[in-house]
N, C-alpha and C. Protein backbone atom coordinates (compact mmCIF):
# COMPACT_ATOMS: atom_id res chain seq x y z
N UNK A 1 48.59 60.80 -13.85
CA UNK A 1 49.56 61.21 -14.06
C UNK A 1 50.71 60.21 -14.47
N UNK A 2 51.04 60.01 -15.63
CA UNK A 2 51.78 58.46 -16.51
C UNK A 2 53.26 59.10 -15.98
N UNK A 3 54.30 58.07 -15.49
CA UNK A 3 55.51 58.26 -15.77
C UNK A 3 55.84 57.91 -17.14
N UNK A 4 57.02 58.81 -17.31
CA UNK A 4 57.78 58.47 -18.96
C UNK A 4 58.42 56.82 -19.04
N UNK A 5 57.66 56.65 -20.13
CA UNK A 5 58.32 54.87 -20.36
C UNK A 5 59.24 54.63 -21.59
N UNK A 6 60.12 53.96 -21.66
CA UNK A 6 61.53 53.44 -22.74
C UNK A 6 60.64 52.30 -22.59
N UNK A 7 60.90 51.93 -23.84
CA UNK A 7 60.85 49.95 -24.55
C UNK A 7 62.24 49.38 -24.71
N UNK A 8 62.18 48.28 -24.65
CA UNK A 8 63.45 47.38 -24.89
C UNK A 8 63.22 46.18 -25.07
N UNK A 9 62.59 45.66 -26.45
CA UNK A 9 62.48 43.82 -26.45
C UNK A 9 61.57 43.51 -25.57
N UNK A 10 60.17 44.04 -25.58
CA UNK A 10 59.05 43.99 -24.84
C UNK A 10 59.52 43.92 -23.15
N UNK A 11 60.60 44.80 -22.69
CA UNK A 11 60.27 45.15 -21.35
C UNK A 11 60.68 46.72 -21.22
N UNK A 12 59.36 47.27 -20.67
CA UNK A 12 59.29 48.54 -20.42
C UNK A 12 59.96 49.07 -18.91
N UNK A 13 60.59 49.71 -19.42
CA UNK A 13 60.99 50.85 -17.94
C UNK A 13 60.75 52.09 -17.27
N UNK A 14 60.72 51.93 -16.20
CA UNK A 14 60.16 53.87 -16.03
C UNK A 14 60.86 53.83 -14.60
N UNK A 15 60.76 54.94 -13.87
CA UNK A 15 61.53 55.71 -12.81
C UNK A 15 60.55 56.00 -12.00
N UNK A 16 60.53 56.03 -10.62
CA UNK A 16 59.35 56.97 -10.29
C UNK A 16 60.34 58.08 -9.56
N UNK A 17 59.23 58.98 -9.13
CA UNK A 17 59.89 60.35 -7.89
C UNK A 17 60.23 60.14 -7.44
N UNK A 18 60.39 58.53 -6.26
CA UNK A 18 61.42 58.77 -5.19
C UNK A 18 62.63 58.27 -5.65
N UNK A 19 62.63 57.99 -7.36
CA UNK A 19 63.71 57.26 -7.47
C UNK A 19 64.02 55.55 -7.74
N UNK A 20 62.48 55.12 -7.48
CA UNK A 20 62.99 54.03 -7.78
C UNK A 20 62.46 53.27 -9.28
N UNK A 21 63.15 52.15 -9.41
CA UNK A 21 63.06 51.92 -11.26
C UNK A 21 61.99 50.17 -11.47
N UNK A 22 61.28 50.59 -11.98
CA UNK A 22 60.03 49.46 -11.94
C UNK A 22 60.35 49.06 -13.59
N UNK A 23 60.14 47.66 -13.92
CA UNK A 23 60.29 47.45 -15.21
C UNK A 23 59.31 46.34 -15.39
N UNK A 24 58.83 46.28 -16.49
CA UNK A 24 57.28 45.45 -16.82
C UNK A 24 57.90 44.58 -18.20
N UNK A 25 57.92 43.53 -17.92
CA UNK A 25 58.27 42.57 -18.80
C UNK A 25 57.32 41.49 -19.10
N UNK A 26 57.26 41.19 -20.77
CA UNK A 26 56.90 40.27 -21.16
C UNK A 26 57.35 39.10 -22.20
N UNK A 27 57.32 37.61 -21.83
CA UNK A 27 57.64 36.44 -22.40
C UNK A 27 56.73 35.77 -22.77
N UNK A 28 56.55 35.57 -23.39
CA UNK A 28 56.00 34.40 -24.72
C UNK A 28 55.79 33.23 -24.37
N UNK A 29 54.51 32.48 -23.71
CA UNK A 29 54.61 31.07 -23.29
C UNK A 29 53.59 30.11 -23.91
N UNK A 30 53.36 30.39 -24.99
CA UNK A 30 52.37 29.98 -26.28
C UNK A 30 52.74 28.71 -25.94
N UNK A 31 54.09 28.14 -26.31
CA UNK A 31 54.20 26.62 -26.21
C UNK A 31 54.09 26.11 -24.70
N UNK A 32 54.20 26.69 -23.83
CA UNK A 32 54.35 26.16 -22.13
C UNK A 32 53.02 25.72 -22.42
N UNK A 33 52.33 26.48 -22.96
CA UNK A 33 50.53 26.21 -22.51
C UNK A 33 50.08 25.36 -23.71
N UNK A 34 50.56 25.26 -24.75
CA UNK A 34 50.42 24.27 -25.47
C UNK A 34 49.43 24.45 -26.06
N UNK A 35 49.24 26.11 -26.59
CA UNK A 35 48.44 26.81 -26.83
C UNK A 35 48.33 26.96 -29.10
N UNK A 36 47.32 27.43 -29.36
CA UNK A 36 47.14 27.54 -30.68
C UNK A 36 46.81 29.12 -30.50
N UNK A 37 46.61 30.18 -29.76
CA UNK A 37 46.94 31.30 -29.70
C UNK A 37 47.84 31.74 -28.70
N UNK A 38 48.39 33.12 -28.90
CA UNK A 38 49.04 33.81 -28.20
C UNK A 38 49.01 34.10 -26.79
N UNK A 39 50.14 33.71 -25.75
CA UNK A 39 49.58 33.81 -24.24
C UNK A 39 51.45 34.24 -24.09
N UNK A 40 50.85 35.86 -23.16
CA UNK A 40 52.19 36.14 -22.77
C UNK A 40 52.35 36.20 -21.05
N UNK A 41 53.36 36.03 -20.82
CA UNK A 41 53.42 36.53 -19.03
C UNK A 41 54.26 37.71 -19.00
N UNK A 42 53.70 38.34 -18.23
CA UNK A 42 53.80 39.25 -17.41
C UNK A 42 54.64 39.39 -15.90
N UNK A 43 55.70 40.02 -15.91
CA UNK A 43 56.58 40.00 -14.59
C UNK A 43 56.77 41.54 -14.41
N UNK A 44 56.62 42.04 -13.42
CA UNK A 44 56.65 43.32 -12.72
C UNK A 44 57.67 43.44 -11.56
N UNK A 45 58.91 43.81 -12.04
CA UNK A 45 60.05 44.28 -11.09
C UNK A 45 60.03 45.46 -10.29
N UNK A 46 60.37 45.45 -8.82
CA UNK A 46 60.25 46.78 -8.53
C UNK A 46 61.63 47.25 -7.58
N UNK A 47 62.90 47.86 -8.69
CA UNK A 47 63.95 48.07 -7.52
C UNK A 47 63.99 49.01 -7.00
N UNK A 48 63.91 48.79 -5.59
CA UNK A 48 63.61 50.01 -4.67
C UNK A 48 65.15 50.70 -4.47
N UNK A 49 65.37 51.84 -4.28
CA UNK A 49 66.38 52.70 -4.45
C UNK A 49 67.03 52.75 -3.20
N UNK A 50 68.38 52.20 -2.59
CA UNK A 50 68.81 51.60 -1.56
C UNK A 50 68.33 52.95 -0.65
N UNK A 51 68.15 54.09 -0.64
CA UNK A 51 67.86 55.32 0.42
C UNK A 51 66.74 55.39 0.58
N UNK A 52 65.73 55.39 -0.37
CA UNK A 52 64.63 55.21 -0.27
C UNK A 52 63.47 53.59 0.47
N UNK A 53 62.86 54.22 0.91
CA UNK A 53 61.80 53.30 1.81
C UNK A 53 60.35 53.28 1.54
N UNK A 54 60.11 54.37 -0.02
CA UNK A 54 58.80 54.41 -0.53
C UNK A 54 58.54 53.00 -1.31
N UNK A 55 57.29 52.56 -1.06
CA UNK A 55 56.70 51.80 -1.93
C UNK A 55 55.97 52.15 -2.96
N UNK A 56 56.36 52.27 -4.09
CA UNK A 56 55.60 53.15 -5.11
C UNK A 56 55.09 52.22 -5.81
N UNK A 57 54.78 50.61 -5.51
CA UNK A 57 53.67 50.00 -6.33
C UNK A 57 52.75 50.13 -5.88
N UNK A 58 52.03 50.81 -4.63
CA UNK A 58 51.10 51.07 -4.00
C UNK A 58 50.50 52.33 -4.71
N UNK A 59 51.46 53.31 -5.28
CA UNK A 59 50.73 54.28 -5.50
C UNK A 59 50.18 54.59 -7.07
N UNK A 60 49.22 55.88 -6.90
CA UNK A 60 48.48 55.64 -8.41
C UNK A 60 49.26 55.94 -9.95
N UNK A 61 50.20 56.57 -9.38
CA UNK A 61 51.15 57.06 -10.88
C UNK A 61 52.04 56.00 -11.34
N UNK A 62 52.56 54.93 -10.33
CA UNK A 62 52.58 53.41 -10.45
C UNK A 62 51.67 52.72 -11.25
N UNK A 63 50.64 52.87 -9.87
CA UNK A 63 49.56 51.63 -10.95
C UNK A 63 48.75 52.33 -12.49
N UNK A 64 48.93 53.26 -12.48
CA UNK A 64 48.21 54.05 -14.43
C UNK A 64 49.24 53.30 -14.99
N UNK A 65 50.78 53.88 -14.68
CA UNK A 65 51.46 53.70 -15.74
C UNK A 65 51.66 51.85 -15.98
N UNK A 66 52.06 51.54 -14.84
CA UNK A 66 51.63 49.51 -15.11
C UNK A 66 50.36 49.25 -16.12
N UNK A 67 48.97 49.96 -16.04
CA UNK A 67 48.06 49.59 -16.66
C UNK A 67 47.90 49.82 -18.05
N UNK A 68 48.67 51.07 -17.91
CA UNK A 68 48.96 51.43 -19.24
C UNK A 68 49.99 50.86 -20.14
N UNK A 69 50.68 50.27 -19.67
CA UNK A 69 51.56 49.47 -20.34
C UNK A 69 51.02 48.36 -20.72
N UNK A 70 50.14 47.72 -19.77
CA UNK A 70 49.48 46.31 -20.07
C UNK A 70 48.56 46.33 -21.12
N UNK A 71 47.55 47.83 -20.97
CA UNK A 71 46.54 47.72 -22.20
C UNK A 71 47.49 48.08 -23.57
N UNK A 72 48.82 49.14 -23.68
CA UNK A 72 49.20 48.88 -24.78
C UNK A 72 49.69 47.55 -25.47
N UNK A 73 50.15 46.54 -24.61
CA UNK A 73 50.58 44.94 -24.83
C UNK A 73 49.28 44.95 -25.60
N UNK A 74 48.01 44.61 -25.12
CA UNK A 74 47.16 44.00 -25.62
C UNK A 74 46.77 44.57 -26.85
N UNK A 75 46.79 46.15 -27.09
CA UNK A 75 46.23 46.39 -28.13
C UNK A 75 47.54 46.04 -29.35
N UNK A 76 48.64 45.48 -29.07
CA UNK A 76 49.58 45.30 -30.09
C UNK A 76 49.61 44.18 -30.05
N UNK A 77 49.48 43.49 -29.53
CA UNK A 77 49.74 41.33 -29.69
C UNK A 77 48.42 40.74 -29.46
N UNK A 78 47.00 41.68 -28.96
CA UNK A 78 45.51 40.90 -29.23
C UNK A 78 46.01 39.24 -28.54
N UNK A 79 46.81 39.29 -26.98
CA UNK A 79 46.72 37.95 -26.79
C UNK A 79 46.14 37.70 -25.13
N UNK A 80 46.37 36.45 -24.95
CA UNK A 80 45.86 36.12 -23.41
C UNK A 80 47.37 36.87 -22.89
N UNK A 81 47.11 37.05 -21.12
CA UNK A 81 48.16 37.37 -20.50
C UNK A 81 47.87 37.03 -19.16
N UNK A 82 49.08 36.34 -18.77
CA UNK A 82 49.46 35.84 -17.22
C UNK A 82 49.95 36.66 -16.23
N UNK A 83 49.61 36.32 -15.28
CA UNK A 83 50.65 37.04 -14.44
C UNK A 83 50.96 36.12 -12.70
N UNK A 84 51.98 35.78 -12.96
CA UNK A 84 52.86 34.76 -11.93
C UNK A 84 53.34 35.74 -10.79
N UNK A 85 52.70 35.62 -9.40
CA UNK A 85 53.20 36.31 -8.38
C UNK A 85 53.87 35.37 -7.70
N UNK A 86 55.31 35.53 -7.48
CA UNK A 86 55.70 34.93 -6.33
C UNK A 86 55.51 34.97 -5.15
N UNK A 87 55.45 34.20 -4.02
CA UNK A 87 55.57 35.04 -2.57
C UNK A 87 57.07 34.31 -1.68
N UNK A 88 57.62 33.50 -2.81
CA UNK A 88 58.99 32.72 -1.54
C UNK A 88 60.05 34.11 -1.42
N UNK A 89 59.86 35.19 -1.75
CA UNK A 89 61.23 35.40 -1.40
C UNK A 89 60.72 37.06 -0.58
N UNK A 90 59.76 37.21 -0.36
CA UNK A 90 59.75 38.21 0.81
C UNK A 90 58.02 38.14 1.54
N UNK A 91 57.40 36.80 1.12
CA UNK A 91 55.75 36.50 1.58
C UNK A 91 54.89 37.30 1.38
N UNK A 92 55.33 38.56 0.81
CA UNK A 92 54.23 39.73 0.14
C UNK A 92 53.38 39.34 -1.03
N UNK A 93 53.58 37.99 -1.85
CA UNK A 93 53.02 37.68 -2.70
C UNK A 93 50.96 38.10 -2.91
N UNK A 94 50.61 37.24 -1.36
CA UNK A 94 49.25 37.82 -1.33
C UNK A 94 48.98 39.08 -1.49
N UNK A 95 49.45 39.77 -0.67
CA UNK A 95 49.25 41.68 -0.98
C UNK A 95 49.24 42.07 -2.46
N UNK A 96 50.57 41.76 -3.08
CA UNK A 96 50.79 41.89 -4.11
C UNK A 96 49.72 41.33 -5.43
N UNK A 97 49.27 40.38 -5.48
CA UNK A 97 48.46 39.53 -5.87
C UNK A 97 46.97 40.64 -5.75
N UNK A 98 46.59 40.57 -4.84
CA UNK A 98 44.95 41.23 -4.20
C UNK A 98 45.09 42.92 -4.96
N UNK A 99 46.30 43.67 -4.86
CA UNK A 99 47.31 44.63 -5.62
C UNK A 99 46.37 44.76 -7.17
N UNK A 100 47.28 43.70 -7.63
CA UNK A 100 47.46 43.63 -9.18
C UNK A 100 45.82 43.35 -9.88
N UNK A 101 45.26 42.43 -8.65
CA UNK A 101 43.54 42.14 -9.22
C UNK A 101 43.14 43.51 -9.06
N UNK A 102 43.24 44.12 -7.82
CA UNK A 102 42.27 45.57 -7.98
C UNK A 102 42.82 46.64 -8.91
N UNK A 103 43.84 46.08 -9.48
CA UNK A 103 43.87 47.51 -10.71
C UNK A 103 43.18 46.89 -12.19
N UNK A 104 43.20 45.48 -12.45
CA UNK A 104 42.52 45.46 -13.15
C UNK A 104 40.83 45.30 -13.25
N UNK A 105 40.63 44.86 -11.89
CA UNK A 105 38.85 45.01 -11.76
C UNK A 105 38.63 46.59 -11.54
N UNK A 106 39.30 47.45 -11.09
CA UNK A 106 39.04 48.94 -11.26
C UNK A 106 39.00 49.59 -12.85
N UNK A 107 39.88 49.32 -13.20
CA UNK A 107 40.33 49.94 -14.59
C UNK A 107 40.21 49.51 -15.97
N UNK A 108 39.80 47.89 -15.56
CA UNK A 108 39.43 47.12 -17.14
C UNK A 108 38.53 46.16 -16.97
N UNK A 109 37.77 45.76 -15.84
CA UNK A 109 36.71 44.83 -15.66
C UNK A 109 35.42 45.00 -17.04
N UNK A 110 35.56 46.25 -17.81
CA UNK A 110 34.32 46.53 -18.71
C UNK A 110 35.10 45.60 -19.71
N UNK A 111 36.69 45.55 -20.27
CA UNK A 111 37.15 45.31 -21.18
C UNK A 111 37.71 43.50 -20.90
N UNK A 112 38.07 43.43 -19.82
CA UNK A 112 38.63 41.94 -19.66
C UNK A 112 38.20 41.18 -18.94
N UNK A 113 37.82 39.96 -18.74
CA UNK A 113 38.12 38.76 -18.09
C UNK A 113 38.82 38.66 -17.38
N UNK A 114 39.17 38.32 -15.62
CA UNK A 114 40.43 37.91 -14.95
C UNK A 114 40.12 37.14 -13.92
N UNK A 115 41.17 35.83 -14.18
CA UNK A 115 40.83 34.68 -13.48
C UNK A 115 42.02 34.20 -12.88
N UNK A 116 41.81 34.33 -11.42
CA UNK A 116 42.73 34.27 -10.72
C UNK A 116 42.67 32.79 -9.96
N UNK A 117 44.09 32.46 -10.41
CA UNK A 117 44.17 30.81 -9.40
C UNK A 117 45.29 30.52 -8.57
N UNK A 118 45.67 29.68 -8.01
CA UNK A 118 46.73 29.72 -6.68
C UNK A 118 47.39 28.91 -7.25
N UNK A 119 49.01 28.60 -7.20
CA UNK A 119 50.45 27.74 -7.01
C UNK A 119 50.54 27.07 -6.00
N UNK A 120 50.58 25.85 -5.46
CA UNK A 120 51.26 25.63 -4.69
C UNK A 120 52.93 24.55 -5.49
N UNK A 121 53.82 25.02 -4.61
CA UNK A 121 55.32 24.51 -5.28
C UNK A 121 55.68 24.20 -3.83
N UNK A 122 56.61 22.56 -3.81
CA UNK A 122 57.31 22.95 -2.90
C UNK A 122 56.87 23.89 -2.09
N UNK A 123 55.43 23.52 -1.14
CA UNK A 123 54.72 23.60 -0.17
C UNK A 123 54.89 25.57 -0.14
N UNK A 124 55.17 26.38 -1.28
CA UNK A 124 54.97 27.79 -1.45
C UNK A 124 53.97 27.95 -2.42
N UNK A 125 53.32 28.72 -1.46
CA UNK A 125 52.20 29.55 -2.22
C UNK A 125 52.45 30.83 -3.44
N UNK A 126 52.25 30.68 -4.43
CA UNK A 126 52.21 31.53 -5.50
C UNK A 126 51.19 32.12 -5.71
N UNK A 127 50.59 32.90 -6.72
CA UNK A 127 49.31 33.44 -7.33
C UNK A 127 49.50 33.29 -8.86
N UNK A 128 48.65 33.49 -9.51
CA UNK A 128 48.62 33.63 -11.04
C UNK A 128 47.25 34.56 -10.84
N UNK A 129 47.16 35.38 -12.67
CA UNK A 129 46.11 36.11 -12.98
C UNK A 129 46.19 35.57 -14.38
N UNK A 130 44.98 35.53 -15.02
CA UNK A 130 44.87 35.23 -16.25
C UNK A 130 43.79 36.13 -16.66
N UNK A 131 44.56 37.27 -17.76
CA UNK A 131 43.78 38.58 -18.18
C UNK A 131 43.89 38.21 -19.65
N UNK A 132 42.41 38.53 -20.26
CA UNK A 132 41.78 37.82 -21.51
C UNK A 132 40.91 39.39 -21.85
N UNK A 133 40.71 39.78 -22.90
CA UNK A 133 39.75 40.53 -23.33
C UNK A 133 38.39 39.94 -23.02
N UNK A 134 37.45 40.42 -23.53
CA UNK A 134 36.02 39.70 -23.21
C UNK A 134 35.73 39.73 -24.79
N UNK A 135 36.46 40.41 -25.63
CA UNK A 135 35.89 39.98 -26.98
C UNK A 135 36.52 39.05 -27.54
N UNK A 136 37.75 38.48 -27.13
CA UNK A 136 38.18 37.20 -27.95
C UNK A 136 37.65 36.22 -27.72
N UNK A 137 37.42 35.44 -28.91
CA UNK A 137 36.29 34.20 -29.20
C UNK A 137 36.28 33.30 -28.94
N UNK A 138 37.92 33.08 -28.24
CA UNK A 138 38.13 31.73 -27.21
C UNK A 138 38.50 31.32 -26.24
N UNK A 139 37.45 32.58 -25.39
CA UNK A 139 38.53 32.52 -24.29
C UNK A 139 37.83 31.16 -22.76
N UNK A 140 36.85 30.53 -23.50
CA UNK A 140 36.93 29.24 -22.91
C UNK A 140 37.92 28.63 -23.15
N UNK A 141 38.38 28.38 -24.38
CA UNK A 141 39.56 27.31 -24.38
C UNK A 141 41.36 28.02 -23.82
N UNK A 142 41.13 29.19 -23.79
CA UNK A 142 42.27 29.78 -23.18
C UNK A 142 41.84 29.47 -21.59
N UNK A 143 40.68 29.61 -21.29
CA UNK A 143 40.58 29.50 -19.75
C UNK A 143 40.87 27.83 -19.80
N UNK A 144 40.15 26.94 -20.21
CA UNK A 144 40.56 25.39 -19.79
C UNK A 144 42.10 24.92 -20.07
N UNK A 145 43.37 26.34 -21.07
CA UNK A 145 44.03 25.93 -21.21
C UNK A 145 45.19 26.50 -20.35
N UNK A 146 44.66 27.48 -19.51
CA UNK A 146 45.10 28.09 -18.40
C UNK A 146 44.80 26.84 -17.05
N UNK A 147 43.84 26.78 -16.78
CA UNK A 147 43.63 25.68 -15.57
C UNK A 147 44.27 24.44 -15.80
N UNK A 148 44.66 23.86 -17.07
CA UNK A 148 45.40 22.75 -17.45
C UNK A 148 46.66 23.08 -17.06
N UNK A 149 47.49 23.97 -17.41
CA UNK A 149 48.48 24.47 -17.04
C UNK A 149 48.45 24.57 -15.07
N UNK A 150 47.98 25.17 -14.35
CA UNK A 150 47.79 25.04 -13.19
C UNK A 150 47.63 23.87 -12.45
N UNK A 151 46.72 23.06 -13.10
CA UNK A 151 46.82 21.69 -12.66
C UNK A 151 47.96 21.00 -12.83
N UNK A 152 48.36 20.74 -13.65
CA UNK A 152 49.97 20.37 -13.92
C UNK A 152 50.80 20.92 -13.19
N UNK A 153 50.88 22.54 -12.79
CA UNK A 153 51.94 22.68 -12.00
C UNK A 153 51.72 22.78 -10.13
N UNK A 154 50.55 22.25 -10.07
CA UNK A 154 50.09 21.89 -8.49
C UNK A 154 50.54 20.05 -8.29
N UNK A 155 50.40 19.39 -9.55
CA UNK A 155 50.70 17.93 -9.05
C UNK A 155 52.09 17.88 -8.51
N UNK A 156 52.19 16.55 -7.71
CA UNK A 156 53.35 16.99 -6.75
C UNK A 156 54.66 16.37 -7.44
N UNK A 157 54.37 15.64 -8.26
CA UNK A 157 55.56 15.08 -9.58
C UNK A 157 55.62 16.16 -10.53
N UNK A 158 55.22 17.42 -10.50
CA UNK A 158 55.30 18.03 -11.61
C UNK A 158 56.04 19.50 -11.24
N UNK A 159 56.19 19.50 -9.65
CA UNK A 159 56.65 20.67 -9.31
C UNK A 159 57.55 21.55 -9.42
N UNK A 160 57.38 22.33 -9.81
CA UNK A 160 57.71 23.58 -10.60
C UNK A 160 58.29 23.76 -11.77
N UNK A 161 58.65 22.48 -12.33
CA UNK A 161 59.33 22.08 -13.61
C UNK A 161 58.42 22.48 -14.98
N UNK A 162 57.33 22.84 -14.73
CA UNK A 162 56.36 23.15 -15.70
C UNK A 162 56.33 24.95 -15.66
N UNK A 163 56.89 25.38 -14.63
CA UNK A 163 56.46 26.99 -14.41
C UNK A 163 57.31 27.92 -15.28
N UNK A 164 57.40 28.93 -15.76
CA UNK A 164 58.41 29.80 -16.48
C UNK A 164 59.14 30.42 -15.95
């Protein structure tokens, strides 16, 4: 089952059966990576309704809807995709990182390469995933650009200033 999705300017919205609102937003990062190929960042936001205690991100309908949105985005833009998972607000980033990675390992491992990395900014640990189609001709260049970006983000003198 997929939730009905609406789109506005590369931001996709849907509401779960518990009333929680989820948005999946794509932002171009090609210039930040100094790349000659398109790279986008995906951010997933879950706005929990005050009277709901349900964590819909762990549900299969939410998972299937988000994976469907991301697959559609890949089909439309033929790009590399980076997911940054922040842990600074609630310290649940590690669990979200495992969850997001498991979605793509389960549902997209035949079509996509997934490269997880850790980022340490101001003593805070965050996670990132690079997702690339296996059929992409220059995967090694994309992974090298991603690793360069992560190394730069992890250097003490560049703390956070290079992150989107």
